[in-house]
């Protein structure tokens, strides 16, 4: 097998292509020939060695990917060679509430990820993906896709007629636009440029706010909702956007905390939360059960994740640089085999 790994440390200088003997599955495992992988913001955090002491080299990066089962263990009954599957981000979260050791079983750190030609995983740690998706589209599902689904479906699911504010235009945000619209919700999306605003409108966003042209976007959100505020905010920004997210939501609404790209420490004016009975909850991807439910919705509505750029397997470092440059609209994927679509 061929695989990319961080060895001796993190950073581009420690990311190298290696070869090793192809692993064999145990009795309850499956051997997957990986076809495509996708990058998330989290992968940049790993690249920069900022994901905490539990994530250490040597490490195969990336959590999101798709492949074909080529061999099954002797006790595997629910999967067969030829099945196209994606791994679950959390290998230990079947359903219900998260287990206490949740973070110990994340792919792409601390567990090895999927930037490799072959991967052995427990059969219970993968799910079949919708047949209408290409390999690169399906590769985006485990982290970005399930995160968007969990933000819209967990606790109080989104309802037809709700207004959802989505901050940003990354992979999670784009999937959230598709899923929210399929659920009958109105979507308001903030982005960083007029060009991205046009692409979001073409994707189906009902209202788009260009933050460069409208720095006080929270007031614009209020205006677009008749002064009431939105029903829920998908807070993908972090420290610098949380205050405006609170301003944007209606009394009794909810803010789903997902990302922290603008910083880790935020000051919150507590009366704005307490007196308006707001709900703040966090989402960290989701369970296998959520993944399966999302796939049903994608299949029913024939939704396609947005793929913005595809790199070859030998160009993995370039894919990281493209993500770092923030110039690509849509998910950045890596084609592991040449005939992946």
Protein backbone atom coordinates (compact mmCIF):
# COMPACT_ATOMS: atom_id res chain seq x y z
CA UNK A 1 0.00 0.00 0.00
CA UNK A 2 0.95 3.64 -0.43
CA UNK A 3 0.20 6.20 2.23
CA UNK A 4 0.95 9.75 3.29
CA UNK A 5 2.04 10.27 6.88
CA UNK A 6 3.51 12.78 9.27
CA UNK A 7 6.69 11.28 10.69
CA UNK A 8 9.03 12.88 13.19
CA UNK A 9 6.74 15.88 13.59
CA UNK A 10 4.04 17.88 11.86
CA UNK A 11 4.22 20.49 9.11
CA UNK A 12 4.80 20.18 5.37
CA UNK A 13 8.42 19.19 5.92
CA UNK A 14 7.27 16.05 7.77
CA UNK A 15 4.48 15.02 5.39
CA UNK A 16 5.83 12.30 3.11
CA UNK A 17 4.67 9.48 0.86
CA UNK A 18 5.51 5.96 2.04
CA UNK A 19 5.06 2.35 0.96
CA UNK A 20 4.28 -0.66 3.11
CA UNK A 21 2.76 -4.11 2.89
CA UNK A 22 -1.01 -4.00 2.42
CA UNK A 23 -2.68 -4.87 5.76
CA UNK A 24 -5.07 -7.78 6.16
CA UNK A 25 -8.44 -7.59 7.96
CA UNK A 26 -9.10 -9.30 11.25
CA UNK A 27 -12.21 -11.45 11.80
CA UNK A 28 -14.51 -8.43 12.30
CA UNK A 29 -12.74 -6.02 9.95
CA UNK A 30 -12.93 -5.01 6.32
CA UNK A 31 -10.10 -4.11 3.97
CA UNK A 32 -11.00 -1.03 1.92
CA UNK A 33 -9.32 0.10 -1.28
CA UNK A 34 -9.59 3.85 -0.85
CA UNK A 35 -10.73 5.81 -3.92
CA UNK A 36 -10.93 9.44 -2.77
CA UNK A 37 -10.40 11.59 0.31
CA UNK A 38 -11.49 15.09 1.34
CA UNK A 39 -9.94 17.77 3.55
CA UNK A 40 -11.48 19.74 6.41
CA UNK A 41 -10.29 22.75 8.40
CA UNK A 42 -9.41 20.33 11.20
CA UNK A 43 -6.76 18.79 8.96
CA UNK A 44 -4.93 22.13 8.88
CA UNK A 45 -4.95 22.17 12.67
CA UNK A 46 -3.36 18.71 12.63
CA UNK A 47 -0.86 19.80 9.97
CA UNK A 48 0.22 22.66 12.21
CA UNK A 49 0.58 20.41 15.26
CA UNK A 50 -2.15 22.26 17.15
CA UNK A 51 -4.60 19.45 17.88
CA UNK A 52 -3.41 18.66 21.37
CA UNK A 53 -1.09 16.13 22.93
CA UNK A 54 -3.28 13.16 22.02
CA UNK A 55 -2.59 13.66 18.30
CA UNK A 56 1.02 12.72 17.62
CA UNK A 57 3.12 11.43 14.73
CA UNK A 58 3.54 9.04 13.10
CA UNK A 59 0.07 9.69 11.70
CA UNK A 60 -1.79 9.13 8.43
CA UNK A 61 -3.94 12.28 8.04
CA UNK A 62 -7.53 12.97 6.92
CA UNK A 63 -10.77 11.58 8.27
CA UNK A 64 -13.01 11.89 5.20
CA UNK A 65 -12.86 9.38 2.39
CA UNK A 66 -14.59 6.66 0.41
CA UNK A 67 -13.51 3.30 -0.92
CA UNK A 68 -14.49 -0.16 -2.05
CA UNK A 69 -14.51 -3.19 0.25
CA UNK A 70 -12.06 -5.71 -1.22
CA UNK A 71 -11.90 -8.25 1.61
CA UNK A 72 -13.95 -9.04 4.70
CA UNK A 73 -13.07 -10.81 7.92
CA UNK A 74 -14.47 -14.24 8.67
CA UNK A 75 -17.14 -12.90 11.06
CA UNK A 76 -18.39 -10.02 8.90
CA UNK A 77 -21.94 -10.60 7.62
CA UNK A 78 -23.34 -7.16 6.73
CA UNK A 79 -20.73 -6.10 4.15
CA UNK A 80 -19.29 -7.78 1.07
CA UNK A 81 -16.51 -7.18 -1.44
CA UNK A 82 -17.65 -4.53 -3.92
CA UNK A 83 -19.59 -2.45 -1.40
CA UNK A 84 -18.70 1.26 -1.57
CA UNK A 85 -18.31 2.61 1.94
CA UNK A 86 -17.10 5.61 3.89
CA UNK A 87 -15.56 5.43 7.37
CA UNK A 88 -17.24 7.04 10.36
CA UNK A 89 -15.30 9.96 11.81
CA UNK A 90 -15.76 8.54 15.31
CA UNK A 91 -15.05 4.84 15.23
CA UNK A 92 -16.67 4.28 18.64
CA UNK A 93 -19.98 6.19 18.39
CA UNK A 94 -22.79 3.97 17.16
CA UNK A 95 -25.72 6.16 18.22
CA UNK A 96 -27.39 7.92 21.11
CA UNK A 97 -25.23 10.10 23.34
CA UNK A 98 -21.47 10.23 22.77
CA UNK A 99 -19.30 7.76 24.71
CA UNK A 100 -16.95 9.05 27.39
CA UNK A 101 -13.87 8.11 25.34
CA UNK A 102 -15.22 9.80 22.21
CA UNK A 103 -12.10 11.74 21.26
CA UNK A 104 -9.86 8.69 21.43
CA UNK A 105 -11.46 7.23 18.31
CA UNK A 106 -11.27 10.06 15.76
CA UNK A 107 -9.85 9.23 12.36
CA UNK A 108 -7.05 11.48 11.19
CA UNK A 109 -5.84 11.94 14.76
CA UNK A 110 -5.32 10.26 17.13
CA UNK A 111 -6.23 7.27 14.91
CA UNK A 112 -4.64 6.96 11.49
CA UNK A 113 -6.76 8.48 8.75
CA UNK A 114 -7.58 7.65 5.16
CA UNK A 115 -4.91 9.30 2.99
CA UNK A 116 -3.76 5.87 1.87
CA UNK A 117 -4.40 3.33 -0.85
CA UNK A 118 -5.78 0.72 1.57
CA UNK A 119 -7.28 0.90 5.04
CA UNK A 120 -8.45 -1.77 7.48
CA UNK A 121 -11.33 -0.73 9.70
CA UNK A 122 -13.86 -2.52 11.91
CA UNK A 123 -16.93 -3.42 9.84
CA UNK A 124 -19.06 -1.48 12.32
CA UNK A 125 -17.05 1.67 11.65
CA UNK A 126 -18.10 2.17 8.03
CA UNK A 127 -21.35 2.89 6.19
CA UNK A 128 -22.50 2.42 2.61
CA UNK A 129 -22.76 5.67 0.64
CA UNK A 130 -25.51 6.76 -1.79
CA UNK A 131 -25.06 5.36 -5.30
CA UNK A 132 -25.84 8.67 -7.04
CA UNK A 133 -22.76 10.37 -5.60
CA UNK A 134 -19.39 10.39 -7.30
CA UNK A 135 -16.38 9.16 -5.33
CA UNK A 136 -15.19 12.70 -4.59
CA UNK A 137 -18.67 13.79 -3.51
CA UNK A 138 -19.06 10.78 -1.23
CA UNK A 139 -15.60 11.40 0.24
CA UNK A 140 -16.83 14.67 1.78
CA UNK A 141 -19.50 13.04 3.93
CA UNK A 142 -17.92 11.61 7.14
CA UNK A 143 -16.98 14.90 8.83
CA UNK A 144 -18.33 17.87 6.86
CA UNK A 145 -21.56 16.18 5.83
CA UNK A 146 -22.44 14.60 9.17
CA UNK A 147 -21.58 17.82 11.01
CA UNK A 148 -24.09 19.79 8.92
CA UNK A 149 -26.70 17.07 9.40
CA UNK A 150 -26.20 16.98 13.18
CA UNK A 151 -26.48 20.77 13.41
CA UNK A 152 -29.84 20.70 11.63
CA UNK A 153 -31.26 17.43 12.95
CA UNK A 154 -29.99 17.00 16.50
CA UNK A 155 -32.09 17.81 19.58
CA UNK A 156 -34.76 19.98 17.91
CA UNK A 157 -34.70 19.18 14.17
CA UNK A 158 -35.11 21.98 11.64
CA UNK A 159 -38.72 22.46 10.56
CA UNK A 160 -40.28 23.71 7.32
CA UNK A 161 -40.59 27.49 7.46
CA UNK A 162 -37.69 27.99 9.88
CA UNK A 163 -35.01 30.52 9.04
CA UNK A 164 -31.46 29.26 9.41
CA UNK A 165 -28.39 31.51 9.44
CA UNK A 166 -25.23 29.80 8.20
CA UNK A 167 -21.92 31.54 8.80
CA UNK A 168 -19.40 31.07 6.01
CA UNK A 169 -19.10 29.06 2.81
CA UNK A 170 -16.86 26.10 3.70
CA UNK A 171 -17.74 22.44 3.27
CA UNK A 172 -20.02 22.23 6.32
CA UNK A 173 -21.81 25.45 5.38
CA UNK A 174 -22.44 24.37 1.79
CA UNK A 175 -23.86 21.02 2.88
CA UNK A 176 -26.02 22.82 5.44
CA UNK A 177 -27.50 25.02 2.69
CA UNK A 178 -28.51 21.90 0.73
CA UNK A 179 -29.93 20.05 3.73
CA UNK A 180 -31.79 23.05 5.16
CA UNK A 181 -33.44 23.77 1.82
CA UNK A 182 -34.43 20.12 1.45
CA UNK A 183 -36.08 20.36 4.89
CA UNK A 184 -38.12 23.39 3.78
CA UNK A 185 -36.17 26.01 5.72
CA UNK A 186 -35.20 29.48 4.57
CA UNK A 187 -31.45 30.02 4.49
CA UNK A 188 -29.42 33.17 5.10
CA UNK A 189 -25.68 32.75 4.49
CA UNK A 190 -22.76 35.07 5.23
CA UNK A 191 -19.66 34.96 3.09
CA UNK A 192 -16.48 36.90 2.37
CA UNK A 193 -16.81 38.13 -1.22
CA UNK A 194 -19.27 39.10 -3.95
CA UNK A 195 -18.07 36.20 -6.10
CA UNK A 196 -18.83 33.65 -3.36
CA UNK A 197 -22.16 35.35 -2.73
CA UNK A 198 -23.17 34.73 -6.34
CA UNK A 199 -22.17 31.09 -6.14
CA UNK A 200 -24.16 30.63 -2.94
CA UNK A 201 -27.24 32.09 -4.60
CA UNK A 202 -26.75 29.71 -7.50
CA UNK A 203 -26.58 26.85 -4.98
CA UNK A 204 -29.98 27.89 -3.64
CA UNK A 205 -29.30 30.12 -0.63
CA UNK A 206 -32.33 32.39 -0.16
CA UNK A 207 -30.36 35.39 1.11
CA UNK A 208 -26.62 36.00 1.07
CA UNK A 209 -24.75 38.69 2.99
CA UNK A 210 -21.30 39.72 1.77
CA UNK A 211 -19.46 40.58 4.98
CA UNK A 212 -16.95 42.70 3.08
CA UNK A 213 -19.74 44.97 1.85
CA UNK A 214 -21.86 44.68 5.03
CA UNK A 215 -19.60 44.51 8.11
CA UNK A 216 -22.62 44.83 10.45
CA UNK A 217 -24.15 41.64 9.10
CA UNK A 218 -26.07 40.95 12.31
CA UNK A 219 -28.19 44.07 11.73
CA UNK A 220 -28.79 42.94 8.15
CA UNK A 221 -29.94 39.53 9.41
CA UNK A 222 -32.38 41.29 11.73
CA UNK A 223 -33.67 43.39 8.85
CA UNK A 224 -34.16 40.31 6.66
CA UNK A 225 -36.27 38.70 9.41
CA UNK A 226 -38.45 41.72 10.15
CA UNK A 227 -36.49 42.44 13.32
CA UNK A 228 -37.23 39.08 14.90
CA UNK A 229 -34.00 37.19 14.24
CA UNK A 230 -33.43 33.71 12.87
CA UNK A 231 -34.55 30.45 14.44
CA UNK A 232 -31.08 28.96 14.55
CA UNK A 233 -27.51 29.92 13.74
CA UNK A 234 -24.86 27.50 12.52
CA UNK A 235 -21.91 29.22 14.23
CA UNK A 236 -18.89 28.17 12.21
CA UNK A 237 -16.74 31.23 12.92
CA UNK A 238 -15.73 31.10 16.57
CA UNK A 239 -14.62 33.84 18.92
CA UNK A 240 -14.99 36.85 16.64
CA UNK A 241 -18.43 35.96 15.29
CA UNK A 242 -20.22 34.55 18.34
CA UNK A 243 -21.37 37.93 19.64
CA UNK A 244 -23.01 38.81 16.32
CA UNK A 245 -24.50 35.33 16.09
CA UNK A 246 -26.22 35.97 19.44
CA UNK A 247 -27.53 39.29 18.10
CA UNK A 248 -28.89 37.52 15.02
CA UNK A 249 -31.03 34.86 16.69
CA UNK A 250 -34.61 35.26 17.85
CA UNK A 251 -35.76 35.02 21.46
CA UNK A 252 -35.94 31.32 22.28
CA UNK A 253 -33.74 30.41 19.33
CA UNK A 254 -30.64 28.29 19.26
CA UNK A 255 -27.00 28.73 18.32
CA UNK A 256 -25.16 25.62 17.25
CA UNK A 257 -21.44 25.95 17.97
CA UNK A 258 -19.43 24.15 15.30
CA UNK A 259 -16.22 25.96 14.38
CA UNK A 260 -13.52 28.13 15.87
CA UNK A 261 -11.62 29.42 12.84
CA UNK A 262 -11.58 33.00 14.22
CA UNK A 263 -10.33 32.06 17.68
CA UNK A 264 -10.89 29.85 20.70
CA UNK A 265 -11.76 32.32 23.48
CA UNK A 266 -14.91 34.43 23.21
CA UNK A 267 -16.45 36.99 25.54
CA UNK A 268 -20.23 36.60 25.77
CA UNK A 269 -22.63 39.21 27.12
CA UNK A 270 -24.58 36.83 29.34
CA UNK A 271 -27.78 38.90 29.69
CA UNK A 272 -28.29 38.60 25.93
CA UNK A 273 -28.35 34.83 26.37
CA UNK A 274 -30.10 34.54 29.73
CA UNK A 275 -32.93 37.04 29.31
CA UNK A 276 -33.78 35.84 25.80
CA UNK A 277 -33.69 32.14 26.74
CA UNK A 278 -31.27 31.19 24.02
CA UNK A 279 -29.90 27.70 23.65
CA UNK A 280 -26.19 27.25 22.93
CA UNK A 281 -25.21 23.73 22.01
CA UNK A 282 -22.16 22.25 20.36
CA UNK A 283 -21.85 19.78 17.53
CA UNK A 284 -18.80 17.64 16.88
CA UNK A 285 -19.61 15.63 13.75
CA UNK A 286 -22.01 12.89 14.91
CA UNK A 287 -22.64 9.19 15.30
CA UNK A 288 -22.85 6.35 12.80
CA UNK A 289 -26.63 6.48 13.26
CA UNK A 290 -26.59 10.14 12.15
CA UNK A 291 -24.42 9.25 9.14
CA UNK A 292 -26.89 6.60 8.00
CA UNK A 293 -29.85 8.98 8.45
CA UNK A 294 -28.09 11.69 6.46
CA UNK A 295 -27.39 9.27 3.62
CA UNK A 296 -31.10 8.46 3.42
CA UNK A 297 -31.88 12.17 3.08
CA UNK A 298 -29.20 12.66 0.42
CA UNK A 299 -30.56 9.71 -1.51
CA UNK A 300 -34.19 10.81 -1.25
CA UNK A 301 -33.51 14.38 -2.37
CA UNK A 302 -30.65 13.48 -4.75
CA UNK A 303 -28.39 16.07 -3.13
CA UNK A 304 -24.79 16.48 -4.28
CA UNK A 305 -22.05 17.91 -2.04
CA UNK A 306 -20.06 20.73 -3.65
CA UNK A 307 -16.58 19.71 -4.80
CA UNK A 308 -14.41 22.70 -5.62
CA UNK A 309 -11.03 21.18 -6.49
CA UNK A 310 -9.55 17.70 -6.97
CA UNK A 311 -5.87 16.84 -6.62
CA UNK A 312 -4.00 13.66 -7.49
CA UNK A 313 -2.73 11.35 -4.76
CA UNK A 314 0.85 12.47 -5.33
CA UNK A 315 -0.31 16.10 -4.92
CA UNK A 316 -1.52 15.76 -1.33
CA UNK A 317 0.66 18.61 -0.04
CA UNK A 318 -0.79 20.88 -2.74
CA UNK A 319 -4.28 20.03 -1.53
CA UNK A 320 -3.33 21.14 1.98
CA UNK A 321 -1.93 24.39 0.58
CA UNK A 322 -5.11 25.01 -1.40
CA UNK A 323 -7.17 24.60 1.78
CA UNK A 324 -4.81 26.91 3.63
CA UNK A 325 -5.16 29.54 0.89
CA UNK A 326 -8.98 29.61 1.27
CA UNK A 327 -9.44 30.37 -2.42
CA UNK A 328 -11.44 27.28 -3.37
CA UNK A 329 -15.25 27.38 -3.24
CA UNK A 330 -16.35 23.89 -2.22
CA UNK A 331 -14.67 20.84 -0.79
CA UNK A 332 -11.07 20.03 -1.66
CA UNK A 333 -10.60 16.37 -2.54
CA UNK A 334 -7.79 14.01 -3.37
CA UNK A 335 -8.26 11.32 -6.03
CA UNK A 336 -6.45 8.29 -4.58
CA UNK A 337 -6.92 6.09 -7.66
CA UNK A 338 -6.82 7.51 -11.16
CA UNK A 339 -10.25 6.24 -12.21
CA UNK A 340 -12.07 7.73 -9.18
CA UNK A 341 -14.86 10.03 -10.33
